[in-house]
N, C-alpha and C. Protein backbone atom coordinates (compact mmCIF):
# COMPACT_ATOMS: atom_id res chain seq x y z
N UNK A 1 -148.96 -82.46 108.53
CA UNK A 1 -149.32 -82.78 109.90
C UNK A 1 -148.09 -83.10 110.76
N UNK A 2 -147.14 -83.82 110.19
CA UNK A 2 -145.98 -84.23 110.97
C UNK A 2 -145.15 -83.02 111.39
N UNK A 3 -145.01 -82.05 110.49
CA UNK A 3 -144.19 -80.88 110.82
C UNK A 3 -144.84 -80.06 111.94
N UNK A 4 -146.15 -79.96 111.95
CA UNK A 4 -146.83 -79.25 113.02
C UNK A 4 -146.57 -79.90 114.37
N UNK A 5 -146.55 -81.21 114.39
CA UNK A 5 -146.28 -81.94 115.62
C UNK A 5 -144.83 -81.72 116.08
N UNK A 6 -143.90 -81.70 115.12
CA UNK A 6 -142.50 -81.46 115.45
C UNK A 6 -142.30 -80.06 116.01
N UNK A 7 -142.99 -79.09 115.43
CA UNK A 7 -142.89 -77.71 115.92
C UNK A 7 -143.38 -77.62 117.36
N UNK A 8 -144.48 -78.26 117.63
CA UNK A 8 -145.04 -78.23 118.98
C UNK A 8 -144.08 -78.90 119.98
N UNK A 9 -143.49 -80.03 119.59
CA UNK A 9 -142.54 -80.71 120.47
C UNK A 9 -141.30 -79.84 120.71
N UNK A 10 -140.82 -79.18 119.67
CA UNK A 10 -139.65 -78.32 119.81
C UNK A 10 -139.97 -77.13 120.72
N UNK A 11 -141.15 -76.55 120.58
CA UNK A 11 -141.56 -75.44 121.43
C UNK A 11 -141.61 -75.87 122.89
N UNK A 12 -142.19 -77.04 123.15
CA UNK A 12 -142.27 -77.54 124.52
C UNK A 12 -140.87 -77.81 125.09
N UNK A 13 -140.00 -78.38 124.26
CA UNK A 13 -138.65 -78.68 124.70
C UNK A 13 -137.89 -77.39 125.03
N UNK A 14 -138.05 -76.37 124.20
CA UNK A 14 -137.38 -75.09 124.44
C UNK A 14 -137.90 -74.41 125.71
N UNK A 15 -139.18 -74.48 125.93
CA UNK A 15 -139.75 -73.90 127.16
C UNK A 15 -139.23 -74.64 128.39
N UNK A 16 -139.11 -75.94 128.28
CA UNK A 16 -138.62 -76.75 129.39
C UNK A 16 -137.16 -76.39 129.71
N UNK A 17 -136.36 -76.18 128.68
CA UNK A 17 -134.94 -75.86 128.87
C UNK A 17 -134.70 -74.40 129.20
N UNK A 18 -135.72 -73.58 129.11
CA UNK A 18 -135.56 -72.18 129.45
C UNK A 18 -135.18 -71.31 128.27
N UNK A 19 -135.04 -71.88 127.09
CA UNK A 19 -134.64 -71.10 125.92
C UNK A 19 -135.78 -70.20 125.44
N UNK A 20 -136.99 -70.53 125.76
CA UNK A 20 -138.11 -69.73 125.32
C UNK A 20 -138.32 -68.48 126.16
N UNK A 21 -137.62 -68.35 127.28
CA UNK A 21 -137.84 -67.23 128.19
C UNK A 21 -136.95 -66.04 127.90
N UNK A 22 -135.92 -66.19 127.09
CA UNK A 22 -134.95 -65.12 126.87
C UNK A 22 -135.16 -64.47 125.51
N UNK A 23 -135.82 -63.34 125.46
CA UNK A 23 -135.95 -62.67 124.17
C UNK A 23 -134.63 -61.97 123.83
N UNK A 24 -134.04 -62.32 122.70
CA UNK A 24 -132.78 -61.70 122.29
C UNK A 24 -132.98 -61.02 120.95
N UNK A 25 -132.26 -59.95 120.76
CA UNK A 25 -132.30 -59.24 119.49
C UNK A 25 -130.88 -59.08 118.99
N UNK A 26 -130.74 -58.85 117.71
CA UNK A 26 -129.41 -58.63 117.14
C UNK A 26 -128.80 -57.36 117.72
N UNK A 27 -129.62 -56.36 117.91
CA UNK A 27 -129.14 -55.09 118.43
C UNK A 27 -128.60 -55.26 119.86
N UNK A 28 -129.31 -56.00 120.69
CA UNK A 28 -128.88 -56.23 122.07
C UNK A 28 -127.62 -57.05 122.15
N UNK A 29 -127.53 -58.06 121.30
CA UNK A 29 -126.35 -58.91 121.27
C UNK A 29 -125.13 -58.13 120.80
N UNK A 30 -125.32 -57.31 119.78
CA UNK A 30 -124.21 -56.50 119.26
C UNK A 30 -123.75 -55.48 120.29
N UNK A 31 -124.67 -54.86 120.99
CA UNK A 31 -124.31 -53.87 122.01
C UNK A 31 -123.54 -54.50 123.16
N UNK A 32 -123.85 -55.74 123.49
CA UNK A 32 -123.15 -56.42 124.57
C UNK A 32 -121.70 -56.70 124.19
N UNK A 33 -121.43 -56.85 122.90
CA UNK A 33 -120.07 -57.12 122.45
C UNK A 33 -119.17 -55.90 122.37
N UNK A 34 -119.75 -54.72 122.39
CA UNK A 34 -118.96 -53.49 122.29
C UNK A 34 -118.50 -53.08 123.68
N UNK A 35 -117.26 -53.42 124.01
CA UNK A 35 -116.78 -53.21 125.37
C UNK A 35 -115.84 -52.02 125.52
N UNK A 36 -115.26 -51.54 124.43
CA UNK A 36 -114.31 -50.43 124.51
C UNK A 36 -114.94 -49.17 123.93
N UNK A 37 -114.74 -48.05 124.62
CA UNK A 37 -115.28 -46.78 124.16
C UNK A 37 -114.15 -45.76 124.07
N UNK A 38 -114.07 -45.11 122.92
CA UNK A 38 -113.04 -44.10 122.69
C UNK A 38 -113.35 -42.88 123.55
N UNK A 39 -112.40 -42.41 124.34
CA UNK A 39 -112.65 -41.26 125.21
C UNK A 39 -112.77 -39.94 124.45
N UNK A 40 -112.28 -39.89 123.22
CA UNK A 40 -112.31 -38.66 122.43
C UNK A 40 -113.64 -38.51 121.69
N UNK A 41 -114.01 -39.52 120.88
CA UNK A 41 -115.20 -39.40 120.05
C UNK A 41 -116.38 -40.26 120.52
N UNK A 42 -116.18 -41.03 121.57
CA UNK A 42 -117.21 -41.87 122.19
C UNK A 42 -117.74 -42.99 121.28
N UNK A 43 -117.00 -43.34 120.23
CA UNK A 43 -117.42 -44.49 119.42
C UNK A 43 -117.03 -45.77 120.15
N UNK A 44 -117.75 -46.85 119.87
CA UNK A 44 -117.53 -48.09 120.59
C UNK A 44 -116.94 -49.15 119.67
N UNK A 45 -116.02 -49.95 120.24
CA UNK A 45 -115.37 -51.03 119.51
C UNK A 45 -115.46 -52.32 120.33
N UNK A 46 -115.32 -53.43 119.63
CA UNK A 46 -115.47 -54.72 120.29
C UNK A 46 -114.19 -55.32 120.83
N UNK A 47 -113.06 -55.01 120.22
CA UNK A 47 -111.82 -55.62 120.70
C UNK A 47 -110.70 -54.58 120.75
N UNK A 48 -109.67 -54.85 121.54
CA UNK A 48 -108.60 -53.86 121.74
C UNK A 48 -107.79 -53.55 120.48
N UNK A 49 -107.64 -54.53 119.57
CA UNK A 49 -106.88 -54.28 118.34
C UNK A 49 -107.57 -53.21 117.50
N UNK A 50 -108.87 -53.36 117.32
CA UNK A 50 -109.64 -52.39 116.54
C UNK A 50 -109.62 -51.04 117.23
N UNK A 51 -109.72 -51.05 118.53
CA UNK A 51 -109.70 -49.82 119.31
C UNK A 51 -108.38 -49.09 119.11
N UNK A 52 -107.27 -49.82 119.15
CA UNK A 52 -105.96 -49.21 118.98
C UNK A 52 -105.80 -48.65 117.56
N UNK A 53 -106.24 -49.41 116.55
CA UNK A 53 -106.17 -48.94 115.17
C UNK A 53 -107.01 -47.67 115.00
N UNK A 54 -108.20 -47.67 115.58
CA UNK A 54 -109.07 -46.50 115.52
C UNK A 54 -108.38 -45.29 116.14
N UNK A 55 -107.83 -45.48 117.30
CA UNK A 55 -107.22 -44.37 118.02
C UNK A 55 -106.01 -43.81 117.27
N UNK A 56 -105.19 -44.70 116.72
CA UNK A 56 -104.01 -44.25 115.99
C UNK A 56 -104.36 -43.54 114.69
N UNK A 57 -105.43 -43.96 114.03
CA UNK A 57 -105.77 -43.34 112.75
C UNK A 57 -106.65 -42.10 112.91
N UNK A 58 -107.55 -42.09 113.86
CA UNK A 58 -108.49 -40.98 114.00
C UNK A 58 -108.00 -39.88 114.94
N UNK A 59 -107.18 -40.24 115.92
CA UNK A 59 -106.72 -39.26 116.92
C UNK A 59 -105.20 -39.35 117.09
N UNK A 60 -104.44 -39.11 116.02
CA UNK A 60 -102.98 -39.30 116.11
C UNK A 60 -102.29 -38.29 117.03
N UNK A 61 -102.87 -37.13 117.24
CA UNK A 61 -102.22 -36.11 118.08
C UNK A 61 -102.44 -36.37 119.57
N UNK A 62 -103.46 -37.13 119.90
CA UNK A 62 -103.75 -37.41 121.32
C UNK A 62 -102.86 -38.55 121.81
N UNK A 63 -102.63 -38.55 123.10
CA UNK A 63 -101.82 -39.59 123.72
C UNK A 63 -102.64 -40.87 123.81
N UNK A 64 -101.98 -41.99 123.57
CA UNK A 64 -102.62 -43.29 123.61
C UNK A 64 -103.08 -43.60 125.05
N UNK A 65 -104.32 -44.06 125.24
CA UNK A 65 -104.79 -44.39 126.58
C UNK A 65 -103.97 -45.51 127.22
N UNK A 66 -103.93 -45.55 128.52
CA UNK A 66 -103.13 -46.54 129.25
C UNK A 66 -103.56 -47.97 128.92
N UNK A 67 -104.84 -48.19 128.69
CA UNK A 67 -105.33 -49.54 128.42
C UNK A 67 -104.85 -50.06 127.06
N UNK A 68 -104.37 -49.19 126.18
CA UNK A 68 -103.90 -49.61 124.87
C UNK A 68 -102.40 -49.69 124.74
N UNK A 69 -101.66 -49.24 125.71
CA UNK A 69 -100.20 -49.21 125.61
C UNK A 69 -99.59 -50.60 125.54
N UNK A 70 -100.20 -51.59 126.17
CA UNK A 70 -99.64 -52.94 126.19
C UNK A 70 -100.23 -53.84 125.10
N UNK A 71 -101.14 -53.34 124.28
CA UNK A 71 -101.76 -54.18 123.23
C UNK A 71 -100.88 -54.23 122.01
C-alpha cells in the first residue's frame, strides 16, 4: 500500500514540475547529439574529434573540411 501511495505522489510531483509532459526516447536523444555530418558518406558523428578521425581514416584522398582544420 505504501509504495502505491509513493508512486501516486511522485506522478503528481512530476506533472506539477512539467516532467510528465515531455516524452523522450533514446533514439530522439541520440539523434540530437549527432551534430556533425560527413559530406562524403553522410554518416553522423557527435563530436569533432571522432569526425576528424573518421574523415582521415575513411576518406584519406579527400581534402579535410574547413571545420576540421583547427581541431
